[in-house]
Each structure stands twice: as C-alpha cells, then as structure tokens.
Amino acid sequence: MKIEQLIRKCKSKQLKAQKELYDTFAPVLFGICLKYSRNYQEAEDNLHDTFITAFEKIDQFKFKGSFEGWLKRICVNTCLTRYRNQKVFELINEGQLEEMEEIENHASPIPVSQLLKCIQELPNRYRMVFNLYVLDDYTHQEIADMLSISVGTSKSNLARAKAILKPKIEAFIQQKKVSNG
C-alpha cells in the first residue's frame, strides 16, 4: 500500500493501517529515539509516545513535504519534551567557554554501537545538545530555542559532551589496537 493511502486510512482511525504505518517507520524512528535516550527502555517509551502523538495529530499532515520528515520532527520533539521541563541544563556565561578540540573523525573507526553507547552515557543536558548539533545539524540558536537555554549554554554543553566523549573514544581505539596486536 502506498504511504499516501496508508496515511488517509490512519486519518480515518483504521487500526490495521496504523499498525502498518508503525511497522514501516518504527525502525527509523527507534534509531532517533536511541540517540536521545539514556537506554533501550527509555527509547522504547519515546517511540511509543511518538506514535501516540503522530496518530493524534495525523489530521494536521497536509501531504506537503515528507511524511517521514514530519514523523522525525515529532520524534525529536517527543524525546526533548521528556527533558525540557527538567532543570538539566547548566547555565553559564558565554565568556566561560573553553576551546575544546574536535573529536577526530578520521581516527580509527569505532563501531556505531560503541559510539551510541558512549553517547547514551552522557548526562542528559550534554547528550541532547550533542545529538541536536552533531548528529541532526541544528544550530546553537535553534537548540537554544528548542531547549529554552542560552546559545552560550548550548555551546558549553556541546564542548563538555565532546570532552567526555573524546577520552572514551580514544580509550576504545587504544584498546582495539592493543587487542589487535
């Protein structure tokens, strides 16, 4: 069944169509949920909440633009909503930012599963900003608006996330080199 037909059936609350839509998009959206969640269980909860919201608001989709993109926005917003009202963002002045080295992309490859594990271990405030900036290409201004924080706080949280990730990644790469001889 074509996606457009599936969406129309979902708009008329057909459960079979909703299940098919879920089965079609859940794998992609679950990947997004994993990036923004602390663990697998929380990612499952975020995925569930994403689809509840999507089905509640499906009448708002007017077939302009990508439906998958529309679902992804709902997914990211659902994940962020879980943290937005918590006081998890460290407020600092922009002048307090320290220059941080970028994590080298051309270093020895690290499996995606290991990188995801490292990202999931970040404190909430750092993980959110890191994912939005590095993985989803949002600007610091957009992140600040989405999370109700200052641009300086967004930059600081990104720098601190990178500072936490860098030694973990370097240790993994070093361990890999040692075990490979």
C-alpha atoms as a PDB file:
ATOM      1  CA  MET A   1       0.000   0.000   0.000  1.00  0.00           C
ATOM      2  CA  LYS A   2       1.302   3.448  -0.860  1.00  0.00           C
ATOM      3  CA  ILE A   3       2.180   5.741   2.028  1.00  0.00           C
ATOM      4  CA  GLU A   4      -0.431   8.312   0.968  1.00  0.00           C
ATOM      5  CA  GLN A   5      -3.183   5.688   1.087  1.00  0.00           C
ATOM      6  CA  LEU A   6      -1.891   4.457   4.412  1.00  0.00           C
ATOM      7  CA  ILE A   7      -1.957   7.969   5.881  1.00  0.00           C
ATOM      8  CA  ARG A   8      -5.524   8.515   4.664  1.00  0.00           C
ATOM      9  CA  LYS A   9      -6.618   5.260   6.310  1.00  0.00           C
ATOM     10  CA  CYS A  10      -4.839   6.281   9.529  1.00  0.00           C
ATOM     11  CA  LYS A  11      -6.709   9.588   9.428  1.00  0.00           C
ATOM     12  CA  SER A  12      -9.926   7.570   9.462  1.00  0.00           C
ATOM     13  CA  LYS A  13      -8.624   5.665  12.530  1.00  0.00           C
ATOM     14  CA  GLN A  14      -8.171   2.271  10.839  1.00  0.00           C
ATOM     15  CA  LEU A  15      -6.126   0.145  13.254  1.00  0.00           C
ATOM     16  CA  LYS A  16      -4.682  -2.126  10.562  1.00  0.00           C
ATOM     17  CA  ALA A  17      -3.329   0.924   8.721  1.00  0.00           C
ATOM     18  CA  GLN A  18      -1.909   2.337  11.947  1.00  0.00           C
ATOM     19  CA  LYS A  19      -0.059  -0.928  12.572  1.00  0.00           C
ATOM     20  CA  GLU A  20       1.300  -0.942   9.018  1.00  0.00           C
ATOM     21  CA  LEU A  21       2.427   2.670   9.370  1.00  0.00           C
ATOM     22  CA  TYR A  22       4.084   1.791  12.677  1.00  0.00           C
ATOM     23  CA  ASP A  23       5.834  -1.224  11.146  1.00  0.00           C
ATOM     24  CA  THR A  24       7.043   0.926   8.242  1.00  0.00           C
ATOM     25  CA  PHE A  25       8.526   3.798  10.235  1.00  0.00           C
ATOM     26  CA  ALA A  26       9.327   2.358  13.687  1.00  0.00           C
ATOM     27  CA  PRO A  27      12.851   1.162  12.803  1.00  0.00           C
ATOM     28  CA  VAL A  28      13.971   4.604  11.593  1.00  0.00           C
ATOM     29  CA  LEU A  29      12.301   6.436  14.476  1.00  0.00           C
ATOM     30  CA  PHE A  30      13.664   3.989  17.029  1.00  0.00           C
ATOM     31  CA  GLY A  31      17.173   4.869  15.862  1.00  0.00           C
ATOM     32  CA  ILE A  32      16.404   8.515  16.612  1.00  0.00           C
ATOM     33  CA  CYS A  33      14.952   7.579  19.998  1.00  0.00           C
ATOM     34  CA  LEU A  34      18.102   5.635  20.872  1.00  0.00           C
ATOM     35  CA  LYS A  35      20.229   8.720  20.176  1.00  0.00           C
ATOM     36  CA  TYR A  36      18.214  10.858  22.576  1.00  0.00           C
ATOM     37  CA  SER A  37      17.531   8.291  25.286  1.00  0.00           C
ATOM     38  CA  ARG A  38      19.633   7.016  28.177  1.00  0.00           C
ATOM     39  CA  ASN A  39      18.857   3.390  27.429  1.00  0.00           C
ATOM     40  CA  TYR A  40      16.857   0.946  25.340  1.00  0.00           C
ATOM     41  CA  GLN A  41      13.780   1.021  27.601  1.00  0.00           C
ATOM     42  CA  GLU A  42      13.580   4.806  27.543  1.00  0.00           C
ATOM     43  CA  ALA A  43      13.970   4.728  23.749  1.00  0.00           C
ATOM     44  CA  GLU A  44      11.028   2.320  23.530  1.00  0.00           C
ATOM     45  CA  ASP A  45       8.942   4.677  25.683  1.00  0.00           C
ATOM     46  CA  ASN A  46       9.872   7.626  23.472  1.00  0.00           C
ATOM     47  CA  LEU A  47       8.988   5.641  20.335  1.00  0.00           C
ATOM     48  CA  HIS A  48       5.616   4.717  21.818  1.00  0.00           C
ATOM     49  CA  ASP A  49       4.924   8.353  22.739  1.00  0.00           C
ATOM     50  CA  THR A  50       5.999   9.464  19.255  1.00  0.00           C
ATOM     51  CA  PHE A  51       3.410   7.270  17.587  1.00  0.00           C
ATOM     52  CA  ILE A  52       0.676   8.267  20.035  1.00  0.00           C
ATOM     53  CA  THR A  53       1.345  11.914  19.173  1.00  0.00           C
ATOM     54  CA  ALA A  54       1.595  11.178  15.449  1.00  0.00           C
ATOM     55  CA  PHE A  55      -1.741   9.353  15.390  1.00  0.00           C
ATOM     56  CA  GLU A  56      -3.378  12.090  17.470  1.00  0.00           C
ATOM     57  CA  LYS A  57      -2.096  14.785  15.099  1.00  0.00           C
ATOM     58  CA  ILE A  58      -2.160  12.930  11.783  1.00  0.00           C
ATOM     59  CA  ASP A  59      -5.028  15.153  10.578  1.00  0.00           C
ATOM     60  CA  GLN A  60      -2.535  18.053  10.679  1.00  0.00           C
ATOM     61  CA  PHE A  61      -0.378  16.403   7.984  1.00  0.00           C
ATOM     62  CA  LYS A  62      -1.484  18.029   4.717  1.00  0.00           C
ATOM     63  CA  PHE A  63       0.630  15.959   2.280  1.00  0.00           C
ATOM     64  CA  LYS A  64       3.054  18.842   1.824  1.00  0.00           C
ATOM     65  CA  GLY A  65       6.634  17.759   2.362  1.00  0.00           C
ATOM     66  CA  SER A  66       7.918  14.420   3.553  1.00  0.00           C
ATOM     67  CA  PHE A  67       5.753  12.376   5.895  1.00  0.00           C
ATOM     68  CA  GLU A  68       8.888  10.704   7.251  1.00  0.00           C
ATOM     69  CA  GLY A  69      10.343  14.152   7.974  1.00  0.00           C
ATOM     70  CA  TRP A  70       7.124  15.101   9.758  1.00  0.00           C
ATOM     71  CA  LEU A  71       7.367  11.942  11.879  1.00  0.00           C
ATOM     72  CA  LYS A  72      11.051  12.593  12.640  1.00  0.00           C
ATOM     73  CA  ARG A  73      10.240  16.092  13.931  1.00  0.00           C
ATOM     74  CA  ILE A  74       7.567  14.632  16.199  1.00  0.00           C
ATOM     75  CA  CYS A  75      10.058  12.029  17.381  1.00  0.00           C
ATOM     76  CA  VAL A  76      12.806  14.529  18.237  1.00  0.00           C
ATOM     77  CA  ASN A  77      10.301  16.815  19.964  1.00  0.00           C
ATOM     78  CA  THR A  78       8.886  13.887  21.933  1.00  0.00           C
ATOM     79  CA  CYS A  79      12.350  12.934  23.158  1.00  0.00           C
ATOM     80  CA  LEU A  80      13.189  16.536  24.031  1.00  0.00           C
ATOM     81  CA  THR A  81       9.896  17.102  25.842  1.00  0.00           C
ATOM     82  CA  ARG A  82      10.891  14.401  28.324  1.00  0.00           C
ATOM     83  CA  TYR A  83      13.799  16.627  29.416  1.00  0.00           C
ATOM     84  CA  ARG A  84      12.730  20.168  28.546  1.00  0.00           C
ATOM     85  CA  ASN A  85      10.984  20.874  31.832  1.00  0.00           C
ATOM     86  CA  GLN A  86      13.684  19.297  33.962  1.00  0.00           C
ATOM     87  CA  LYS A  87      16.410  21.602  35.196  1.00  0.00           C
ATOM     88  CA  VAL A  88      19.168  19.634  33.486  1.00  0.00           C
ATOM     89  CA  PHE A  89      20.931  22.401  31.589  1.00  0.00           C
ATOM     90  CA  GLU A  90      23.851  24.080  33.226  1.00  0.00           C
ATOM     91  CA  LEU A  91      23.584  27.838  32.958  1.00  0.00           C
ATOM     92  CA  ILE A  92      26.894  29.562  32.238  1.00  0.00           C
ATOM     93  CA  ASN A  93      28.114  32.785  30.715  1.00  0.00           C
ATOM     94  CA  GLU A  94      29.414  32.656  27.172  1.00  0.00           C
ATOM     95  CA  GLY A  95      32.714  34.080  28.413  1.00  0.00           C
ATOM     96  CA  GLN A  96      33.267  30.907  30.427  1.00  0.00           C
ATOM     97  CA  LEU A  97      33.505  28.698  27.355  1.00  0.00           C
ATOM     98  CA  GLU A  98      36.801  26.963  26.851  1.00  0.00           C
ATOM     99  CA  GLU A  99      38.147  25.952  23.485  1.00  0.00           C
ATOM    100  CA  MET A 100      37.745  22.223  23.019  1.00  0.00           C
ATOM    101  CA  GLU A 101      39.428  20.008  20.465  1.00  0.00           C
ATOM    102  CA  GLU A 102      37.097  18.463  17.932  1.00  0.00           C
ATOM    103  CA  ILE A 103      36.675  14.721  18.093  1.00  0.00           C
ATOM    104  CA  GLU A 104      38.705  13.451  15.164  1.00  0.00           C
ATOM    105  CA  ASN A 105      36.526  11.771  12.559  1.00  0.00           C
ATOM    106  CA  HIS A 106      39.480  10.293  10.723  1.00  0.00           C
ATOM    107  CA  ALA A 107      40.818   8.386  13.728  1.00  0.00           C
ATOM    108  CA  SER A 108      40.479   4.618  13.781  1.00  0.00           C
ATOM    109  CA  PRO A 109      36.878   3.666  13.108  1.00  0.00           C
ATOM    110  CA  ILE A 110      34.643   2.991  16.080  1.00  0.00           C
ATOM    111  CA  PRO A 111      31.566   0.792  15.707  1.00  0.00           C
ATOM    112  CA  VAL A 112      28.301   2.714  15.690  1.00  0.00           C
ATOM    113  CA  SER A 113      27.027   0.582  18.573  1.00  0.00           C
ATOM    114  CA  GLN A 114      30.021   1.606  20.713  1.00  0.00           C
ATOM    115  CA  LEU A 115      29.638   5.271  19.781  1.00  0.00           C
ATOM    116  CA  LEU A 116      25.922   5.121  20.591  1.00  0.00           C
ATOM    117  CA  LYS A 117      26.740   3.535  23.964  1.00  0.00           C
ATOM    118  CA  CYS A 118      29.155   6.371  24.742  1.00  0.00           C
ATOM    119  CA  ILE A 119      26.586   8.989  23.720  1.00  0.00           C
ATOM    120  CA  GLN A 120      23.871   7.352  25.822  1.00  0.00           C
ATOM    121  CA  GLU A 121      26.146   7.536  28.873  1.00  0.00           C
ATOM    122  CA  LEU A 122      26.397  11.338  28.599  1.00  0.00           C
ATOM    123  CA  PRO A 123      24.425  13.379  31.132  1.00  0.00           C
ATOM    124  CA  ASN A 124      21.033  14.372  29.690  1.00  0.00           C
ATOM    125  CA  ARG A 125      21.891  18.015  29.037  1.00  0.00           C
ATOM    126  CA  TYR A 126      25.060  17.128  27.146  1.00  0.00           C
ATOM    127  CA  ARG A 127      23.503  14.249  25.196  1.00  0.00           C
ATOM    128  CA  MET A 128      20.616  16.398  23.959  1.00  0.00           C
ATOM    129  CA  VAL A 129      22.815  19.218  22.718  1.00  0.00           C
ATOM    130  CA  PHE A 130      25.384  16.836  21.219  1.00  0.00           C
ATOM    131  CA  ASN A 131      22.738  14.927  19.264  1.00  0.00           C
ATOM    132  CA  LEU A 132      20.968  18.043  18.031  1.00  0.00           C
ATOM    133  CA  TYR A 133      24.177  19.795  16.943  1.00  0.00           C
ATOM    134  CA  VAL A 134      26.438  16.978  15.741  1.00  0.00           C
ATOM    135  CA  LEU A 135      24.017  14.320  14.558  1.00  0.00           C
ATOM    136  CA  ASP A 136      20.995  16.343  13.470  1.00  0.00           C
ATOM    137  CA  ASP A 137      22.716  19.547  12.236  1.00  0.00           C
ATOM    138  CA  TYR A 138      20.777  22.079  14.294  1.00  0.00           C
ATOM    139  CA  THR A 139      22.437  25.441  15.003  1.00  0.00           C
ATOM    140  CA  HIS A 140      23.165  26.583  18.544  1.00  0.00           C
ATOM    141  CA  GLN A 141      20.414  29.197  18.179  1.00  0.00           C
ATOM    142  CA  GLU A 142      17.889  26.524  17.150  1.00  0.00           C
ATOM    143  CA  ILE A 143      18.989  24.306  20.039  1.00  0.00           C
ATOM    144  CA  ALA A 144      18.719  27.203  22.469  1.00  0.00           C
ATOM    145  CA  ASP A 145      15.180  27.893  21.271  1.00  0.00           C
ATOM    146  CA  MET A 146      14.155  24.216  21.399  1.00  0.00           C
ATOM    147  CA  LEU A 147      15.525  23.632  24.886  1.00  0.00           C
ATOM    148  CA  SER A 148      14.857  27.075  26.389  1.00  0.00           C
ATOM    149  CA  ILE A 149      18.521  27.681  27.141  1.00  0.00           C
ATOM    150  CA  SER A 150      21.012  30.327  26.027  1.00  0.00           C
ATOM    151  CA  VAL A 151      23.248  29.952  22.989  1.00  0.00           C
ATOM    152  CA  GLY A 152      26.238  30.028  25.344  1.00  0.00           C
ATOM    153  CA  THR A 153      24.809  27.157  27.368  1.00  0.00           C
ATOM    154  CA  SER A 154      24.284  25.172  24.185  1.00  0.00           C
ATOM    155  CA  LYS A 155      27.905  25.765  23.145  1.00  0.00           C
ATOM    156  CA  SER A 156      29.183  24.904  26.610  1.00  0.00           C
ATOM    157  CA  ASN A 157      27.161  21.710  26.832  1.00  0.00           C
ATOM    158  CA  LEU A 158      28.419  20.652  23.395  1.00  0.00           C
ATOM    159  CA  ALA A 159      32.027  21.312  24.407  1.00  0.00           C
ATOM    160  CA  ARG A 160      31.586  19.348  27.617  1.00  0.00           C
ATOM    161  CA  ALA A 161      29.924  16.455  25.775  1.00  0.00           C
ATOM    162  CA  LYS A 162      32.894  16.300  23.402  1.00  0.00           C
ATOM    163  CA  ALA A 163      35.286  16.496  26.358  1.00  0.00           C
ATOM    164  CA  ILE A 164      33.565  13.479  27.929  1.00  0.00           C
ATOM    165  CA  LEU A 165      33.351  11.512  24.672  1.00  0.00           C
ATOM    166  CA  LYS A 166      36.892  12.098  23.468  1.00  0.00           C
ATOM    167  CA  PRO A 167      38.751  10.077  26.140  1.00  0.00           C
ATOM    168  CA  LYS A 168      36.162   7.290  25.959  1.00  0.00           C
ATOM    169  CA  ILE A 169      36.598   7.022  22.198  1.00  0.00           C
ATOM    170  CA  GLU A 170      40.379   7.268  22.451  1.00  0.00           C
ATOM    171  CA  ALA A 171      40.412   4.535  25.118  1.00  0.00           C
ATOM    172  CA  PHE A 172      38.257   2.284  22.951  1.00  0.00           C
ATOM    173  CA  ILE A 173      40.532   2.845  19.936  1.00  0.00           C
ATOM    174  CA  GLN A 174      43.632   2.214  22.048  1.00  0.00           C
ATOM    175  CA  GLN A 175      42.119  -0.957  23.488  1.00  0.00           C
ATOM    176  CA  LYS A 176      41.242  -2.090  19.959  1.00  0.00           C
ATOM    177  CA  LYS A 177      44.851  -1.500  18.815  1.00  0.00           C
ATOM    178  CA  VAL A 178      46.241  -3.451  21.784  1.00  0.00           C
ATOM    179  CA  SER A 179      43.860  -6.382  21.268  1.00  0.00           C
ATOM    180  CA  ASN A 180      44.633  -6.467  17.529  1.00  0.00           C
ATOM    181  CA  GLY A 181      48.342  -6.601  18.335  1.00  0.00           C
END
